[in-house]
N, C-alpha and C. Protein backbone atom coordinates (compact mmCIF):
# COMPACT_ATOMS: atom_id res chain seq x y z
N MET A 1 -50.83 -13.69 -51.27
CA MET A 1 -49.81 -12.89 -50.64
C MET A 1 -50.33 -12.25 -49.37
N THR A 2 -51.60 -11.85 -49.35
CA THR A 2 -52.14 -11.23 -48.15
C THR A 2 -52.21 -12.22 -47.01
N GLY A 3 -52.44 -13.49 -47.29
CA GLY A 3 -52.50 -14.48 -46.21
C GLY A 3 -51.15 -14.63 -45.52
N ILE A 4 -50.09 -14.61 -46.30
CA ILE A 4 -48.75 -14.73 -45.72
C ILE A 4 -48.43 -13.48 -44.90
N MET A 5 -48.79 -12.32 -45.41
CA MET A 5 -48.52 -11.07 -44.69
C MET A 5 -49.33 -11.00 -43.40
N THR A 6 -50.57 -11.48 -43.45
CA THR A 6 -51.42 -11.47 -42.26
C THR A 6 -50.85 -12.40 -41.19
N ARG A 7 -50.42 -13.57 -41.62
CA ARG A 7 -49.84 -14.52 -40.66
C ARG A 7 -48.52 -13.98 -40.09
N MET A 8 -47.72 -13.35 -40.94
CA MET A 8 -46.43 -12.81 -40.46
C MET A 8 -46.68 -11.66 -39.48
N ARG A 9 -47.65 -10.84 -39.81
CA ARG A 9 -47.97 -9.73 -38.92
C ARG A 9 -48.49 -10.26 -37.58
N GLY A 10 -49.31 -11.30 -37.59
CA GLY A 10 -49.81 -11.92 -36.37
C GLY A 10 -48.67 -12.51 -35.54
N ALA A 11 -47.69 -13.14 -36.21
CA ALA A 11 -46.55 -13.71 -35.50
C ALA A 11 -45.71 -12.61 -34.85
N ILE A 12 -45.54 -11.52 -35.57
CA ILE A 12 -44.75 -10.40 -35.02
C ILE A 12 -45.48 -9.78 -33.83
N ASP A 13 -46.79 -9.64 -33.92
CA ASP A 13 -47.56 -9.08 -32.79
C ASP A 13 -47.49 -10.00 -31.57
N ARG A 14 -47.59 -11.31 -31.77
CA ARG A 14 -47.49 -12.25 -30.64
C ARG A 14 -46.10 -12.19 -30.01
N LEU A 15 -45.07 -12.10 -30.83
CA LEU A 15 -43.70 -12.03 -30.32
C LEU A 15 -43.49 -10.74 -29.52
N ARG A 16 -44.07 -9.65 -29.99
CA ARG A 16 -43.93 -8.39 -29.30
C ARG A 16 -44.65 -8.41 -27.94
N ARG A 17 -45.77 -9.07 -27.83
CA ARG A 17 -46.53 -9.13 -26.58
C ARG A 17 -45.97 -10.17 -25.61
N ASP A 18 -45.20 -11.12 -26.10
CA ASP A 18 -44.68 -12.20 -25.23
C ASP A 18 -43.54 -11.65 -24.38
N ARG A 19 -43.68 -11.68 -23.06
CA ARG A 19 -42.69 -11.13 -22.13
C ARG A 19 -41.92 -12.22 -21.38
N SER A 20 -42.14 -13.46 -21.67
CA SER A 20 -41.40 -14.52 -20.97
C SER A 20 -39.94 -14.49 -21.43
N GLY A 21 -39.03 -14.59 -20.48
CA GLY A 21 -37.60 -14.58 -20.79
C GLY A 21 -36.95 -13.20 -20.72
N VAL A 22 -37.73 -12.16 -20.52
CA VAL A 22 -37.16 -10.81 -20.44
C VAL A 22 -36.23 -10.70 -19.23
N GLY A 23 -36.65 -11.26 -18.10
CA GLY A 23 -35.81 -11.22 -16.89
C GLY A 23 -34.49 -11.94 -17.09
N ALA A 24 -34.51 -13.06 -17.79
CA ALA A 24 -33.27 -13.80 -18.04
C ALA A 24 -32.32 -13.01 -18.92
N VAL A 25 -32.86 -12.33 -19.92
CA VAL A 25 -32.03 -11.52 -20.80
C VAL A 25 -31.43 -10.34 -20.03
N GLU A 26 -32.26 -9.68 -19.23
CA GLU A 26 -31.75 -8.56 -18.44
C GLU A 26 -30.67 -9.03 -17.46
N PHE A 27 -30.88 -10.17 -16.82
CA PHE A 27 -29.88 -10.72 -15.89
C PHE A 27 -28.59 -11.03 -16.63
N ALA A 28 -28.69 -11.63 -17.82
CA ALA A 28 -27.49 -11.97 -18.59
C ALA A 28 -26.71 -10.73 -18.99
N LEU A 29 -27.40 -9.63 -19.19
CA LEU A 29 -26.71 -8.39 -19.56
C LEU A 29 -26.09 -7.68 -18.36
N ILE A 30 -26.77 -7.72 -17.21
CA ILE A 30 -26.34 -6.94 -16.05
C ILE A 30 -25.43 -7.74 -15.11
N ALA A 31 -25.58 -9.03 -15.01
CA ALA A 31 -24.81 -9.84 -14.05
C ALA A 31 -23.29 -9.68 -14.20
N PRO A 32 -22.71 -9.76 -15.40
CA PRO A 32 -21.25 -9.59 -15.49
C PRO A 32 -20.76 -8.25 -14.97
N VAL A 33 -21.51 -7.19 -15.24
CA VAL A 33 -21.13 -5.86 -14.77
C VAL A 33 -21.17 -5.82 -13.24
N LEU A 34 -22.20 -6.36 -12.65
CA LEU A 34 -22.32 -6.37 -11.19
C LEU A 34 -21.23 -7.22 -10.54
N ILE A 35 -20.89 -8.34 -11.14
CA ILE A 35 -19.83 -9.20 -10.59
C ILE A 35 -18.49 -8.48 -10.62
N VAL A 36 -18.19 -7.82 -11.74
CA VAL A 36 -16.93 -7.07 -11.84
C VAL A 36 -16.91 -5.93 -10.83
N LEU A 37 -18.01 -5.23 -10.65
CA LEU A 37 -18.08 -4.16 -9.65
C LEU A 37 -17.88 -4.71 -8.24
N TYR A 38 -18.48 -5.84 -7.94
CA TYR A 38 -18.33 -6.44 -6.62
C TYR A 38 -16.89 -6.85 -6.35
N ILE A 39 -16.28 -7.54 -7.29
CA ILE A 39 -14.89 -7.97 -7.11
C ILE A 39 -13.96 -6.75 -7.02
N GLY A 40 -14.21 -5.75 -7.86
CA GLY A 40 -13.39 -4.54 -7.84
C GLY A 40 -13.49 -3.80 -6.52
N SER A 41 -14.70 -3.68 -5.99
CA SER A 41 -14.86 -2.97 -4.71
C SER A 41 -14.22 -3.77 -3.57
N LEU A 42 -14.28 -5.08 -3.63
CA LEU A 42 -13.63 -5.91 -2.62
C LEU A 42 -12.12 -5.73 -2.68
N GLU A 43 -11.56 -5.75 -3.89
CA GLU A 43 -10.11 -5.59 -4.05
C GLU A 43 -9.66 -4.20 -3.56
N ILE A 44 -10.43 -3.19 -3.86
CA ILE A 44 -10.07 -1.83 -3.43
C ILE A 44 -10.11 -1.73 -1.90
N SER A 45 -11.11 -2.32 -1.27
CA SER A 45 -11.18 -2.24 0.19
C SER A 45 -10.04 -3.02 0.85
N VAL A 46 -9.66 -4.16 0.29
CA VAL A 46 -8.52 -4.92 0.84
C VAL A 46 -7.24 -4.12 0.66
N ALA A 47 -7.04 -3.52 -0.52
CA ALA A 47 -5.84 -2.72 -0.77
C ALA A 47 -5.76 -1.54 0.18
N MET A 48 -6.89 -0.92 0.47
CA MET A 48 -6.90 0.20 1.42
C MET A 48 -6.54 -0.27 2.82
N SER A 49 -6.99 -1.45 3.21
CA SER A 49 -6.63 -2.00 4.52
C SER A 49 -5.14 -2.30 4.61
N VAL A 50 -4.59 -2.87 3.54
CA VAL A 50 -3.14 -3.15 3.53
C VAL A 50 -2.36 -1.85 3.61
N ASN A 51 -2.77 -0.84 2.86
CA ASN A 51 -2.08 0.44 2.88
C ASN A 51 -2.12 1.06 4.28
N LYS A 52 -3.25 0.94 4.95
CA LYS A 52 -3.39 1.45 6.31
C LYS A 52 -2.45 0.71 7.28
N LYS A 53 -2.32 -0.60 7.09
CA LYS A 53 -1.43 -1.38 7.95
C LYS A 53 0.04 -1.05 7.68
N VAL A 54 0.40 -0.77 6.44
CA VAL A 54 1.77 -0.35 6.12
C VAL A 54 2.07 0.97 6.81
N ALA A 55 1.13 1.90 6.79
CA ALA A 55 1.31 3.19 7.47
C ALA A 55 1.45 2.99 8.96
N ARG A 56 0.64 2.10 9.53
CA ARG A 56 0.71 1.84 10.98
C ARG A 56 2.05 1.20 11.34
N ALA A 57 2.55 0.30 10.49
CA ALA A 57 3.85 -0.32 10.75
C ALA A 57 4.97 0.71 10.72
N ALA A 58 4.94 1.61 9.74
CA ALA A 58 5.99 2.64 9.65
C ALA A 58 5.97 3.56 10.86
N SER A 59 4.78 3.98 11.28
CA SER A 59 4.71 4.89 12.44
C SER A 59 5.08 4.18 13.73
N SER A 60 4.70 2.91 13.87
CA SER A 60 5.04 2.16 15.09
C SER A 60 6.54 1.94 15.21
N ILE A 61 7.18 1.61 14.09
CA ILE A 61 8.64 1.40 14.11
C ILE A 61 9.34 2.71 14.48
N ALA A 62 8.92 3.81 13.87
CA ALA A 62 9.53 5.11 14.20
C ALA A 62 9.32 5.44 15.67
N ASP A 63 8.13 5.16 16.17
CA ASP A 63 7.81 5.43 17.57
C ASP A 63 8.70 4.60 18.50
N LEU A 64 8.89 3.32 18.19
CA LEU A 64 9.73 2.46 19.04
C LEU A 64 11.19 2.88 19.02
N VAL A 65 11.70 3.24 17.85
CA VAL A 65 13.11 3.63 17.74
C VAL A 65 13.37 4.95 18.48
N THR A 66 12.45 5.90 18.38
CA THR A 66 12.67 7.20 19.00
C THR A 66 12.53 7.18 20.51
N GLN A 67 12.11 6.09 21.09
CA GLN A 67 12.03 5.97 22.55
C GLN A 67 13.38 5.61 23.16
N ASN A 68 14.41 5.40 22.32
CA ASN A 68 15.74 5.02 22.78
C ASN A 68 16.74 6.14 22.52
N THR A 69 17.82 6.14 23.30
CA THR A 69 18.91 7.07 23.01
C THR A 69 20.00 6.40 22.21
N ASP A 70 20.02 5.05 22.23
CA ASP A 70 21.03 4.28 21.51
C ASP A 70 20.38 3.01 20.98
N VAL A 71 20.62 2.70 19.71
CA VAL A 71 20.12 1.47 19.11
C VAL A 71 21.29 0.74 18.46
N ASN A 72 21.06 -0.50 18.08
CA ASN A 72 22.06 -1.27 17.34
C ASN A 72 21.35 -2.16 16.32
N LYS A 73 22.13 -2.85 15.50
CA LYS A 73 21.55 -3.68 14.45
C LYS A 73 20.65 -4.78 15.00
N THR A 74 21.00 -5.34 16.15
CA THR A 74 20.18 -6.40 16.75
C THR A 74 18.80 -5.87 17.11
N MET A 75 18.76 -4.70 17.70
CA MET A 75 17.48 -4.11 18.07
C MET A 75 16.67 -3.74 16.83
N LEU A 76 17.35 -3.16 15.83
CA LEU A 76 16.66 -2.75 14.61
C LEU A 76 16.12 -3.95 13.84
N LYS A 77 16.82 -5.08 13.92
CA LYS A 77 16.35 -6.30 13.24
C LYS A 77 15.00 -6.75 13.79
N THR A 78 14.72 -6.48 15.06
CA THR A 78 13.42 -6.86 15.63
C THR A 78 12.28 -6.05 15.03
N MET A 79 12.59 -4.93 14.38
CA MET A 79 11.55 -4.11 13.78
C MET A 79 10.88 -4.82 12.59
N VAL A 80 11.57 -5.78 11.98
CA VAL A 80 10.96 -6.59 10.92
C VAL A 80 9.80 -7.39 11.50
N ASP A 81 10.02 -7.99 12.69
CA ASP A 81 8.95 -8.74 13.34
C ASP A 81 7.79 -7.83 13.73
N VAL A 82 8.11 -6.62 14.16
CA VAL A 82 7.06 -5.65 14.51
C VAL A 82 6.21 -5.36 13.28
N ALA A 83 6.84 -5.08 12.16
CA ALA A 83 6.10 -4.77 10.94
C ALA A 83 5.26 -5.96 10.49
N GLN A 84 5.84 -7.16 10.54
CA GLN A 84 5.09 -8.35 10.11
C GLN A 84 3.88 -8.60 11.00
N SER A 85 4.03 -8.39 12.30
CA SER A 85 2.90 -8.62 13.19
C SER A 85 1.80 -7.59 12.99
N ILE A 86 2.15 -6.37 12.63
CA ILE A 86 1.15 -5.34 12.37
C ILE A 86 0.41 -5.61 11.06
N ILE A 87 1.14 -6.04 10.04
CA ILE A 87 0.55 -6.26 8.72
C ILE A 87 -0.28 -7.54 8.66
N THR A 88 -0.04 -8.47 9.56
CA THR A 88 -0.83 -9.71 9.61
C THR A 88 -2.30 -9.37 9.71
N PRO A 89 -3.19 -10.01 9.03
CA PRO A 89 -3.16 -11.30 8.34
C PRO A 89 -2.79 -11.22 6.87
N PHE A 90 -2.41 -10.06 6.37
CA PHE A 90 -2.05 -9.93 4.97
C PHE A 90 -0.64 -10.44 4.74
N GLN A 91 -0.37 -10.84 3.51
CA GLN A 91 0.95 -11.34 3.13
C GLN A 91 1.99 -10.22 3.25
N VAL A 92 3.21 -10.58 3.61
CA VAL A 92 4.28 -9.59 3.73
C VAL A 92 5.33 -9.80 2.63
N ASN A 93 4.87 -10.16 1.45
CA ASN A 93 5.77 -10.36 0.31
C ASN A 93 6.46 -9.05 -0.04
N GLY A 94 7.77 -9.11 -0.18
CA GLY A 94 8.51 -7.92 -0.58
C GLY A 94 8.56 -6.83 0.47
N LEU A 95 8.44 -7.19 1.75
CA LEU A 95 8.51 -6.19 2.82
C LEU A 95 9.91 -5.60 2.88
N LYS A 96 9.98 -4.28 2.82
CA LYS A 96 11.26 -3.58 2.91
C LYS A 96 11.16 -2.52 3.98
N ILE A 97 12.18 -2.45 4.82
CA ILE A 97 12.22 -1.48 5.91
C ILE A 97 13.56 -0.76 5.86
N ARG A 98 13.50 0.55 5.94
CA ARG A 98 14.72 1.37 6.06
C ARG A 98 14.51 2.32 7.22
N ILE A 99 15.49 2.33 8.11
CA ILE A 99 15.44 3.24 9.26
C ILE A 99 16.71 4.07 9.21
N SER A 100 16.55 5.39 9.32
CA SER A 100 17.71 6.28 9.22
C SER A 100 17.67 7.33 10.32
N GLY A 101 18.84 7.68 10.81
CA GLY A 101 19.00 8.81 11.71
C GLY A 101 19.45 10.00 10.88
N ILE A 102 18.76 11.12 11.00
CA ILE A 102 19.08 12.31 10.20
C ILE A 102 19.42 13.46 11.12
N LYS A 103 20.60 14.01 10.93
CA LYS A 103 21.06 15.14 11.74
C LYS A 103 20.93 16.42 10.91
N ILE A 104 20.31 17.43 11.52
CA ILE A 104 20.18 18.74 10.87
C ILE A 104 21.08 19.70 11.65
N ASP A 105 22.12 20.22 10.98
CA ASP A 105 23.09 21.05 11.68
C ASP A 105 22.63 22.50 11.78
N SER A 106 23.51 23.36 12.30
CA SER A 106 23.16 24.77 12.55
C SER A 106 22.94 25.56 11.26
N THR A 107 23.42 25.05 10.13
CA THR A 107 23.18 25.73 8.85
C THR A 107 21.93 25.21 8.16
N GLY A 108 21.31 24.18 8.72
CA GLY A 108 20.11 23.60 8.12
C GLY A 108 20.40 22.46 7.16
N LYS A 109 21.68 22.04 7.12
CA LYS A 109 22.06 20.93 6.23
C LYS A 109 21.59 19.62 6.86
N GLU A 110 20.89 18.80 6.08
CA GLU A 110 20.33 17.53 6.55
C GLU A 110 21.19 16.38 6.03
N THR A 111 21.82 15.63 6.96
CA THR A 111 22.68 14.53 6.55
C THR A 111 22.31 13.25 7.30
N ILE A 112 22.65 12.14 6.68
CA ILE A 112 22.41 10.82 7.27
C ILE A 112 23.48 10.56 8.34
N ALA A 113 23.05 10.35 9.58
CA ALA A 113 23.97 10.01 10.67
C ALA A 113 24.22 8.50 10.69
N TRP A 114 23.18 7.72 10.42
CA TRP A 114 23.26 6.25 10.32
C TRP A 114 22.02 5.76 9.59
N SER A 115 22.11 4.56 9.03
CA SER A 115 20.95 3.97 8.38
C SER A 115 21.04 2.44 8.44
N TRP A 116 19.89 1.81 8.33
CA TRP A 116 19.79 0.34 8.42
C TRP A 116 18.61 -0.11 7.57
N ASP A 117 18.72 -1.30 6.95
CA ASP A 117 17.57 -1.88 6.25
C ASP A 117 17.38 -3.33 6.67
N GLU A 118 16.30 -3.95 6.17
CA GLU A 118 15.92 -5.30 6.60
C GLU A 118 16.95 -6.36 6.23
N LYS A 119 17.88 -6.04 5.32
CA LYS A 119 18.95 -6.98 4.97
C LYS A 119 20.15 -6.83 5.90
N ASN A 120 19.99 -5.98 6.92
CA ASN A 120 21.03 -5.70 7.91
C ASN A 120 22.23 -4.99 7.27
N THR A 121 21.94 -4.17 6.25
CA THR A 121 22.99 -3.40 5.58
C THR A 121 22.68 -1.91 5.73
N ARG A 122 23.56 -1.07 5.18
CA ARG A 122 23.40 0.38 5.25
C ARG A 122 22.89 0.88 3.89
N PRO A 123 21.61 1.28 3.79
CA PRO A 123 21.07 1.72 2.50
C PRO A 123 21.56 3.11 2.07
N TYR A 124 21.93 3.96 3.02
CA TYR A 124 22.39 5.31 2.71
C TYR A 124 23.76 5.51 3.34
N ALA A 125 24.64 6.18 2.62
CA ALA A 125 25.98 6.43 3.12
C ALA A 125 25.94 7.46 4.26
N VAL A 126 26.76 7.21 5.28
CA VAL A 126 26.84 8.15 6.39
C VAL A 126 27.40 9.47 5.86
N GLY A 127 26.74 10.56 6.23
CA GLY A 127 27.16 11.88 5.78
C GLY A 127 26.52 12.33 4.49
N SER A 128 25.78 11.43 3.83
CA SER A 128 25.14 11.85 2.58
C SER A 128 24.00 12.81 2.87
N VAL A 129 23.79 13.72 1.95
CA VAL A 129 22.77 14.75 2.10
C VAL A 129 21.40 14.14 1.77
N THR A 130 20.41 14.49 2.55
CA THR A 130 19.05 14.01 2.34
C THR A 130 18.08 15.18 2.52
N THR A 131 16.83 14.94 2.36
CA THR A 131 15.83 15.99 2.57
C THR A 131 14.77 15.50 3.55
N VAL A 132 14.20 16.44 4.25
CA VAL A 132 13.10 16.16 5.19
C VAL A 132 11.96 17.13 4.85
N PRO A 133 10.75 16.84 5.29
CA PRO A 133 9.65 17.78 5.06
C PRO A 133 9.98 19.15 5.65
N THR A 134 9.53 20.19 4.98
CA THR A 134 9.88 21.56 5.39
C THR A 134 9.42 21.90 6.80
N ASP A 135 8.30 21.36 7.25
CA ASP A 135 7.85 21.68 8.60
C ASP A 135 8.69 20.99 9.67
N LEU A 136 9.52 20.03 9.29
CA LEU A 136 10.41 19.36 10.26
C LEU A 136 11.85 19.85 10.13
N ASP A 137 12.11 20.73 9.21
CA ASP A 137 13.46 21.24 8.97
C ASP A 137 13.81 22.32 9.99
N VAL A 138 14.22 21.86 11.18
CA VAL A 138 14.58 22.75 12.28
C VAL A 138 16.08 22.57 12.56
N LYS A 139 16.81 23.68 12.60
CA LYS A 139 18.26 23.62 12.81
C LYS A 139 18.60 22.99 14.16
N ASN A 140 19.74 22.31 14.19
CA ASN A 140 20.29 21.67 15.40
C ASN A 140 19.32 20.64 16.00
N THR A 141 18.73 19.82 15.16
CA THR A 141 17.83 18.77 15.64
C THR A 141 18.19 17.44 15.00
N PHE A 142 17.51 16.42 15.44
CA PHE A 142 17.73 15.06 14.96
C PHE A 142 16.38 14.42 14.67
N LEU A 143 16.30 13.68 13.57
CA LEU A 143 15.07 12.98 13.20
C LEU A 143 15.37 11.51 12.93
N VAL A 144 14.38 10.68 13.17
CA VAL A 144 14.45 9.28 12.74
C VAL A 144 13.43 9.12 11.62
N ARG A 145 13.92 8.63 10.47
CA ARG A 145 13.03 8.39 9.33
C ARG A 145 12.84 6.89 9.16
N THR A 146 11.60 6.48 9.04
CA THR A 146 11.26 5.08 8.80
C THR A 146 10.54 4.98 7.47
N GLU A 147 11.05 4.10 6.61
CA GLU A 147 10.43 3.85 5.31
C GLU A 147 10.02 2.38 5.26
N VAL A 148 8.74 2.11 5.04
CA VAL A 148 8.25 0.74 4.94
C VAL A 148 7.54 0.61 3.60
N SER A 149 7.89 -0.44 2.85
CA SER A 149 7.18 -0.71 1.59
C SER A 149 6.85 -2.20 1.52
N LEU A 150 5.80 -2.50 0.77
CA LEU A 150 5.26 -3.86 0.71
C LEU A 150 4.67 -4.09 -0.67
N GLN A 151 4.87 -5.29 -1.21
CA GLN A 151 4.25 -5.69 -2.46
C GLN A 151 2.88 -6.30 -2.15
N HIS A 152 1.83 -5.76 -2.78
CA HIS A 152 0.48 -6.30 -2.58
C HIS A 152 -0.08 -6.73 -3.92
N SER A 153 -0.57 -7.96 -4.00
CA SER A 153 -1.11 -8.50 -5.25
C SER A 153 -2.60 -8.23 -5.34
N LEU A 154 -3.01 -7.68 -6.48
CA LEU A 154 -4.41 -7.40 -6.76
C LEU A 154 -4.90 -8.32 -7.87
N LEU A 155 -6.10 -8.84 -7.73
CA LEU A 155 -6.73 -9.62 -8.79
C LEU A 155 -7.55 -8.66 -9.62
N LEU A 156 -7.15 -8.47 -10.86
CA LEU A 156 -7.85 -7.52 -11.72
C LEU A 156 -8.57 -8.27 -12.84
N VAL A 157 -9.87 -8.05 -12.97
CA VAL A 157 -10.64 -8.65 -14.05
C VAL A 157 -10.66 -7.64 -15.18
N THR A 158 -10.12 -8.03 -16.31
CA THR A 158 -10.04 -7.12 -17.45
C THR A 158 -11.35 -7.15 -18.23
N PRO A 159 -11.56 -6.20 -19.14
CA PRO A 159 -12.80 -6.18 -19.91
C PRO A 159 -13.07 -7.48 -20.67
N ASN A 160 -12.03 -8.15 -21.13
CA ASN A 160 -12.22 -9.44 -21.77
C ASN A 160 -12.36 -10.47 -20.65
N ILE A 161 -13.55 -10.99 -20.43
CA ILE A 161 -13.88 -11.80 -19.26
C ILE A 161 -12.98 -13.03 -19.13
N GLN A 162 -12.43 -13.52 -20.24
CA GLN A 162 -11.59 -14.71 -20.19
C GLN A 162 -10.26 -14.45 -19.48
N ASP A 163 -9.80 -13.21 -19.51
CA ASP A 163 -8.50 -12.89 -18.92
C ASP A 163 -8.66 -12.44 -17.48
N VAL A 164 -8.05 -13.16 -16.57
CA VAL A 164 -7.96 -12.74 -15.17
C VAL A 164 -6.48 -12.61 -14.90
N ASP A 165 -6.07 -11.45 -14.47
CA ASP A 165 -4.65 -11.16 -14.32
C ASP A 165 -4.37 -10.70 -12.89
N VAL A 166 -3.21 -11.05 -12.39
CA VAL A 166 -2.80 -10.61 -11.06
C VAL A 166 -1.76 -9.52 -11.23
N LYS A 167 -2.02 -8.36 -10.66
CA LYS A 167 -1.09 -7.23 -10.71
C LYS A 167 -0.54 -6.99 -9.31
N THR A 168 0.65 -6.45 -9.24
CA THR A 168 1.28 -6.17 -7.96
C THR A 168 1.45 -4.67 -7.79
N LEU A 169 1.01 -4.17 -6.63
CA LEU A 169 1.19 -2.77 -6.27
C LEU A 169 2.27 -2.68 -5.19
N THR A 170 3.07 -1.65 -5.25
CA THR A 170 4.01 -1.40 -4.18
C THR A 170 3.44 -0.28 -3.32
N MET A 171 3.17 -0.62 -2.07
CA MET A 171 2.64 0.36 -1.13
C MET A 171 3.76 0.76 -0.20
N SER A 172 3.96 2.06 -0.02
CA SER A 172 5.04 2.50 0.85
C SER A 172 4.63 3.73 1.64
N LYS A 173 5.19 3.82 2.83
CA LYS A 173 4.94 4.95 3.73
C LYS A 173 6.26 5.36 4.36
N THR A 174 6.40 6.66 4.59
CA THR A 174 7.59 7.22 5.23
C THR A 174 7.15 8.08 6.41
N TYR A 175 7.80 7.88 7.55
CA TYR A 175 7.51 8.69 8.75
C TYR A 175 8.80 9.30 9.27
N HIS A 176 8.68 10.52 9.76
CA HIS A 176 9.79 11.22 10.42
C HIS A 176 9.33 11.54 11.84
N LEU A 177 10.12 11.15 12.82
CA LEU A 177 9.82 11.49 14.21
C LEU A 177 11.08 12.00 14.90
N ARG A 178 10.89 12.85 15.88
CA ARG A 178 12.01 13.32 16.70
C ARG A 178 12.23 12.35 17.85
N GLN A 179 13.46 12.32 18.32
CA GLN A 179 13.78 11.47 19.47
C GLN A 179 13.02 11.97 20.68
N ARG A 180 12.75 11.08 21.61
CA ARG A 180 12.00 11.47 22.81
C ARG A 180 12.92 11.82 23.97
N ILE A 181 14.10 11.19 23.98
CA ILE A 181 15.03 11.38 25.09
C ILE A 181 16.37 11.85 24.51
N GLY A 182 16.98 12.85 25.09
CA GLY A 182 18.29 13.29 24.66
C GLY A 182 18.25 14.12 23.39
N ASP A 183 19.45 14.28 22.81
CA ASP A 183 19.60 15.11 21.63
C ASP A 183 19.51 14.33 20.32
N GLU A 184 19.79 13.02 20.38
CA GLU A 184 19.72 12.21 19.16
C GLU A 184 19.63 10.73 19.52
N VAL A 185 19.33 9.93 18.51
CA VAL A 185 19.32 8.48 18.66
C VAL A 185 20.57 7.99 17.92
N ALA A 186 21.48 7.41 18.69
CA ALA A 186 22.72 6.92 18.09
C ALA A 186 22.59 5.44 17.77
N CYS A 187 23.29 5.01 16.73
CA CYS A 187 23.35 3.59 16.40
C CYS A 187 24.80 3.17 16.49
N SER A 188 25.08 2.26 17.42
CA SER A 188 26.47 1.91 17.72
C SER A 188 27.15 1.09 16.62
N ASP A 189 26.41 0.29 15.85
CA ASP A 189 27.07 -0.55 14.85
C ASP A 189 26.44 -0.44 13.46
N CYS A 190 25.77 0.68 13.20
CA CYS A 190 25.16 0.87 11.86
C CYS A 190 26.20 1.39 10.93
């Protein structure tokens, strides 16, 4: 019995001292975590870039509309091309644009003067009550509100490595700007 125990003890001691393959085991344990972190950080940085471009598109559209005293559906329809060119090279799946003229009367009541969306329809009823940020709520003024939203697909690796799923985020930005010329921006056929 002592011979078997001595040989077993010797085998255990040799196994404990043998360090070959330790690097492979460590790599096998750490590599999946590092890959998921790398893909996740890449996806987050792309999503942040898309969100920044959506914000830039909303502010650019508001800036272009407020440079006019009168707009129409034909002019507003070109804002879709403006948004698409700003968001490029990213996909513009589910791009939605709403542009509204908001009149604030002497009592501080905020109402929709006109509105337009990318389908060339009126998303808000004329005269309907709306709200604006409190720092822009100035009596007897006019604002142009631009709302831009976009569907962005994210590749998400779930904890179960076999499942790779694509999720969609809706990114949206809203900008309010005052007209640059005159008292308001009118829309002749909205």
